[in-house]
N, C-alpha and C. Protein backbone atom coordinates (compact mmCIF):
# COMPACT_ATOMS: atom_id res chain seq x y z
N MET A 1 0.87 -1.11 0.01
CA MET A 1 -0.02 0.13 0.00
C MET A 1 0.89 1.20 -0.04
N SER A 2 0.46 2.27 -1.03
CA SER A 2 1.45 3.45 -0.85
C SER A 2 0.73 4.42 -0.20
N ILE A 3 1.45 5.38 0.35
CA ILE A 3 1.05 6.59 1.20
C ILE A 3 1.48 7.72 0.51
N GLN A 4 0.74 8.76 0.78
CA GLN A 4 1.25 10.05 0.36
C GLN A 4 1.81 10.83 1.66
N GLY A 5 2.96 11.47 1.32
CA GLY A 5 3.73 12.05 2.35
C GLY A 5 4.62 11.25 3.02
N ASP A 6 5.10 11.82 4.22
CA ASP A 6 6.22 10.94 4.98
C ASP A 6 5.65 9.94 5.86
N ALA A 7 4.42 10.07 6.35
CA ALA A 7 3.94 9.09 7.39
C ALA A 7 2.43 8.91 7.47
N ILE A 8 1.97 7.91 8.12
CA ILE A 8 0.57 7.86 8.28
C ILE A 8 0.42 7.20 9.68
N ARG A 9 -0.81 7.50 10.13
CA ARG A 9 -0.99 6.97 11.54
C ARG A 9 -1.61 5.55 11.46
N LEU A 10 -1.19 4.85 12.44
CA LEU A 10 -1.57 3.39 12.51
C LEU A 10 -3.15 3.06 12.24
N GLY A 11 -4.05 3.87 13.07
CA GLY A 11 -5.41 3.72 12.77
C GLY A 11 -5.86 3.89 11.33
N GLN A 12 -5.41 5.03 10.75
CA GLN A 12 -5.64 5.23 9.40
C GLN A 12 -5.25 4.24 8.44
N PHE A 13 -4.05 3.78 8.71
CA PHE A 13 -3.42 2.69 7.93
C PHE A 13 -4.29 1.42 7.95
N LEU A 14 -4.79 1.02 9.20
CA LEU A 14 -5.57 -0.13 9.22
C LEU A 14 -6.94 -0.12 8.58
N LYS A 15 -7.46 1.09 8.47
CA LYS A 15 -8.58 1.26 7.84
C LYS A 15 -8.48 1.43 6.40
N LEU A 16 -7.45 1.96 5.89
CA LEU A 16 -7.15 1.99 4.41
C LEU A 16 -6.83 0.53 3.90
N ALA A 17 -6.25 -0.25 4.71
CA ALA A 17 -6.10 -1.57 4.40
C ALA A 17 -7.20 -2.56 4.50
N ASP A 18 -8.37 -2.06 4.92
CA ASP A 18 -9.50 -2.81 5.13
C ASP A 18 -9.39 -3.86 6.17
N VAL A 19 -8.53 -3.57 7.12
CA VAL A 19 -8.31 -4.59 8.33
C VAL A 19 -9.58 -4.29 9.16
N VAL A 20 -9.96 -3.08 9.25
CA VAL A 20 -11.07 -2.69 10.03
C VAL A 20 -12.14 -1.90 9.29
N GLU A 21 -13.36 -1.88 9.61
CA GLU A 21 -14.36 -1.16 8.77
C GLU A 21 -14.42 0.30 9.31
N ALA A 22 -14.18 0.59 10.52
CA ALA A 22 -14.29 2.01 11.12
C ALA A 22 -13.13 2.23 11.94
N GLY A 23 -12.74 3.42 12.05
CA GLY A 23 -11.70 3.71 12.88
C GLY A 23 -11.78 3.47 14.37
N SER A 24 -13.06 3.42 14.77
CA SER A 24 -13.27 2.96 16.25
C SER A 24 -13.08 1.46 16.42
N ASP A 25 -12.97 0.68 15.31
CA ASP A 25 -12.81 -0.78 15.52
C ASP A 25 -11.25 -1.06 15.86
N VAL A 26 -10.50 -0.02 15.51
CA VAL A 26 -9.07 -0.15 15.88
C VAL A 26 -8.60 -0.36 17.29
N LYS A 27 -9.44 0.32 18.18
CA LYS A 27 -9.05 0.22 19.60
C LYS A 27 -9.20 -1.12 20.20
N GLY A 28 -10.23 -1.95 19.55
CA GLY A 28 -10.38 -3.29 20.17
C GLY A 28 -9.20 -4.08 19.92
N LEU A 29 -8.53 -4.00 18.58
CA LEU A 29 -7.43 -4.69 18.25
C LEU A 29 -6.20 -4.37 19.05
N LEU A 30 -5.98 -2.99 19.26
CA LEU A 30 -4.80 -2.53 20.06
C LEU A 30 -4.92 -2.86 21.53
N THR A 31 -6.09 -2.85 22.21
CA THR A 31 -6.23 -3.09 23.43
C THR A 31 -5.97 -4.51 23.82
N GLY A 32 -6.30 -5.44 22.68
CA GLY A 32 -6.21 -6.75 22.93
C GLY A 32 -4.73 -7.31 22.58
N GLY A 33 -3.78 -6.38 22.27
CA GLY A 33 -2.49 -6.74 22.02
C GLY A 33 -2.38 -7.51 20.60
N MET A 34 -3.27 -7.30 19.69
CA MET A 34 -3.31 -7.99 18.56
C MET A 34 -2.57 -7.41 17.39
N VAL A 35 -1.91 -6.22 17.60
CA VAL A 35 -1.40 -5.42 16.60
C VAL A 35 0.03 -5.37 16.81
N ARG A 36 0.94 -5.57 15.78
CA ARG A 36 2.34 -5.59 16.06
C ARG A 36 2.96 -4.62 14.91
N VAL A 37 3.94 -3.79 15.18
CA VAL A 37 4.56 -2.91 14.32
C VAL A 37 6.11 -3.31 14.36
N ASN A 38 6.58 -3.66 13.35
CA ASN A 38 7.93 -4.15 13.25
C ASN A 38 8.22 -5.21 14.35
N GLY A 39 7.38 -6.01 14.53
CA GLY A 39 7.67 -7.00 15.63
C GLY A 39 7.20 -6.81 17.04
N ASP A 40 7.00 -5.57 17.29
CA ASP A 40 6.62 -5.09 18.72
C ASP A 40 5.11 -4.91 18.80
N VAL A 41 4.63 -5.34 20.05
CA VAL A 41 3.24 -5.00 20.25
C VAL A 41 3.02 -3.60 20.37
N GLU A 42 1.95 -3.13 19.58
CA GLU A 42 1.54 -1.66 19.55
C GLU A 42 0.23 -1.43 19.98
N ASN A 43 0.01 -0.45 20.97
CA ASN A 43 -1.16 0.00 21.59
C ASN A 43 -1.67 1.30 21.31
N ARG A 44 -0.79 2.07 20.52
CA ARG A 44 -1.22 3.49 20.17
C ARG A 44 -1.86 3.58 18.77
N ARG A 45 -3.17 4.01 18.66
CA ARG A 45 -3.70 4.18 17.41
C ARG A 45 -3.01 5.29 16.61
N GLY A 46 -2.45 6.27 17.34
CA GLY A 46 -1.81 7.50 16.54
C GLY A 46 -0.33 7.15 16.15
N ARG A 47 0.14 5.96 16.42
CA ARG A 47 1.58 5.60 16.06
C ARG A 47 1.87 6.05 14.60
N GLN A 48 2.88 6.74 14.30
CA GLN A 48 3.33 7.19 13.00
C GLN A 48 4.21 6.04 12.35
N LEU A 49 3.48 5.75 11.18
CA LEU A 49 4.13 4.68 10.37
C LEU A 49 4.80 5.33 9.27
N VAL A 50 5.88 4.76 8.88
CA VAL A 50 6.66 5.48 7.58
C VAL A 50 6.94 4.21 6.73
N PRO A 51 7.17 4.59 5.37
CA PRO A 51 7.41 3.52 4.50
C PRO A 51 8.49 2.56 5.01
N GLY A 52 8.20 1.23 4.65
CA GLY A 52 9.04 0.18 5.05
C GLY A 52 8.62 -0.44 6.43
N ASP A 53 7.69 0.23 7.30
CA ASP A 53 7.39 -0.37 8.58
C ASP A 53 6.33 -1.66 8.16
N GLU A 54 6.43 -2.57 8.99
CA GLU A 54 5.59 -3.83 8.82
C GLU A 54 4.61 -3.88 9.90
N VAL A 55 3.35 -4.10 9.55
CA VAL A 55 2.32 -4.15 10.45
C VAL A 55 1.63 -5.54 10.42
N GLN A 56 1.51 -6.20 11.61
CA GLN A 56 0.98 -7.51 11.69
C GLN A 56 -0.37 -7.55 12.51
N VAL A 57 -1.47 -8.19 11.99
CA VAL A 57 -2.62 -8.22 12.65
C VAL A 57 -3.01 -9.69 12.39
N PRO A 58 -3.96 -10.39 13.23
CA PRO A 58 -4.23 -11.74 13.06
C PRO A 58 -4.52 -11.97 11.55
N GLY A 59 -3.73 -12.95 11.08
CA GLY A 59 -4.06 -13.31 9.62
C GLY A 59 -3.45 -12.55 8.45
N GLU A 60 -2.89 -11.36 8.85
CA GLU A 60 -2.38 -10.51 7.78
C GLU A 60 -1.12 -9.91 8.12
N GLN A 61 0.00 -9.77 7.32
CA GLN A 61 1.10 -8.99 7.38
C GLN A 61 1.18 -7.98 6.35
N LEU A 62 1.25 -6.66 6.76
CA LEU A 62 1.14 -5.65 5.77
C LEU A 62 2.50 -4.86 5.87
N ARG A 63 2.95 -4.18 4.72
CA ARG A 63 4.06 -3.32 4.65
C ARG A 63 3.71 -1.86 4.19
N VAL A 64 4.10 -1.03 4.87
CA VAL A 64 3.76 0.44 4.57
C VAL A 64 4.74 0.71 3.21
N GLY A 65 4.01 1.28 2.33
CA GLY A 65 4.95 1.51 0.96
C GLY A 65 4.86 2.74 0.75
């Protein structure tokens, strides 16, 4: 997935990647420890992602492009 600019917030990225239907659905994934960024559990919806970052959610591995 390509992004415009230097960074994108994790919540926005998950929504654009169709991992969640609404931004509010991201909170459930994060509080459950189900999201990893570059191998580390992430709980911040506003985490800034940059090209090359890898995001893992159950059943999917995504790369910010």
